[in-house]
Amino acid sequence: MIKIILRTGLLALVLLLASKAYIALMAYQSISQIKDSHQQTFLLTYQWISSDLNGTVSVEGIEFTPYLLKRTFYIDRLDLEFDNYLALISSLSEVFSGNFSALKSLTMPEVRTELKGRSFQDWFAREYPALWLKPFGLFGCGEPQGLSVEQFKKMGLSEIQGSVNLTFSRTETLQDQFMLSVDLKELGRFRVTTQWLDNSLHQAIIQQSIEPLRLSAINLNHQEAGLFRRLNVICNPSESKERSIFSALTANAWKQALDEHGLIVNQPVLDSYREYLLRGGEITLDADFGKSFKLAAYKSLLDQELFGYFSATLSLNGQRIEKPELFVDRMIIDPPPVVPDTQTESLEVPKPEPGYRQVAIEQLADYVGHRIRVVMADQKDYEGRLNAVTEYNLDLIRNLPGGRVSYPLMLNEIETVEIWFNTEAHPAPAER
């Protein structure tokens, strides 16, 4: 009996050691294959591979250097967690090939990188239209969308530290759900939860293309951890005690940058941004599309108001923001080619006195390129050349000593519009 128990125990030990060796071998081969197939894209090294009986395989001592970013990420440990040890043995190779159905989570408890090199914004701008990152940019201090290395060092930061956790699950509607949590310590924490049409993310990884991606829901959450207070001290040194000044100036710079790139936000969104800079806390964007959205068809969002299009909500410190709007202006982002009109004929009309004449907002498209005067609901007035008209706004341009200035004005906030007519009863073209 004792011999049987010993033999059984020895056999179990051999099987355990063999399974661990198999896991290490599979991980080694998969990582080697990834390194070989992407050797022109990044450099990857590691020190050790281990596993435990709870269904977790760990890769330790990782150094990851994407050549495009020109910086190295030091990852103490990467953990891949499965439901159990058998699932780890049977599904590990599938995970490295892009099938995450058997994976519960991916965790990197400690990640470090130096401040030098390119940012993720630089990488994104090389692959996709950079304007989609504009709403998440930082304005009013340092670089146009971020901070310089010197400013980070003034905050006492010599490197960026954080942790990453990515969890995988299936919803009741059999969609793939992924939740990414990143804690950057002093720089804040953010969480992104997405739901994808069944298997679309797996297909996108295999094809290395965004074409198969079908997004059905998204939740974005950011928690501030004192960064805005530090920004006020560094970027507003003469009036650091008046944080409201910094938040107002930065919010206005943010809106101006969005306007220039065709992303038009209304007053509730601007007020929320300013209040977040002033008070901190957390801000949440939640959207349930109802039906999946094809990411490759992002141009279909042009001339759309995105909060309404995606049934999205915006909340600041637990309070829902009423009627937020973000309009994507096609005339600025993707303007049509200018075709000269060679068939315009003069109209025989009486000659009125020259001057401004009020016209209906619905007729503005007939006067693109002409002098215009606009009075807003708040009694602010603008005068210049009508550059473009869309369903939601008009674009007015003024020539100033320092150059041209563009004013995107929301149509639903306009009280009156007037066109300048000359002595021939034609609207007079503005000076260019």
Foldseek 3Di string as FASTA:
>chain_A
DVVVVVVVVVVVVVVVVVLFVLLQVLVVVLVVVVCVVCVVFKDKDFDDWGDDFAAKIKTAFIWIGGPQQRKIKTFGMKIWHFNGNVLNSPCVNVVSLQDCARTFKIKGAKMKIFPDGHDVLVVCVVPDPSLVCLLVFFDLDDDHGDHDCVLCVVVVDGIWMWIWMWGWDADPVGWIKIKIWIQRDQAWIKIKIWTWHPCQSSVCSNVVHLQSTWTFWMKIKIAHRCPLLSCLCVSVVVPSVPSLVSLLVRLVSSQQVSVQQQKHKDDLVSVLSSVCSVPTGMKMKIFGQVGIDRPVVVVVLEQHWPCVNRVMWIDDNRHTGPPITIHGHCCNNPNDDDDDDPPDDDDDDAFDAWDKDWDDPVCVQVQQQFWKWWAFQVRDIDTAGFHADGPFWTWGWDQDPVGIDIDTGGPVGTDIMIFTAHRSRDGHGTDD
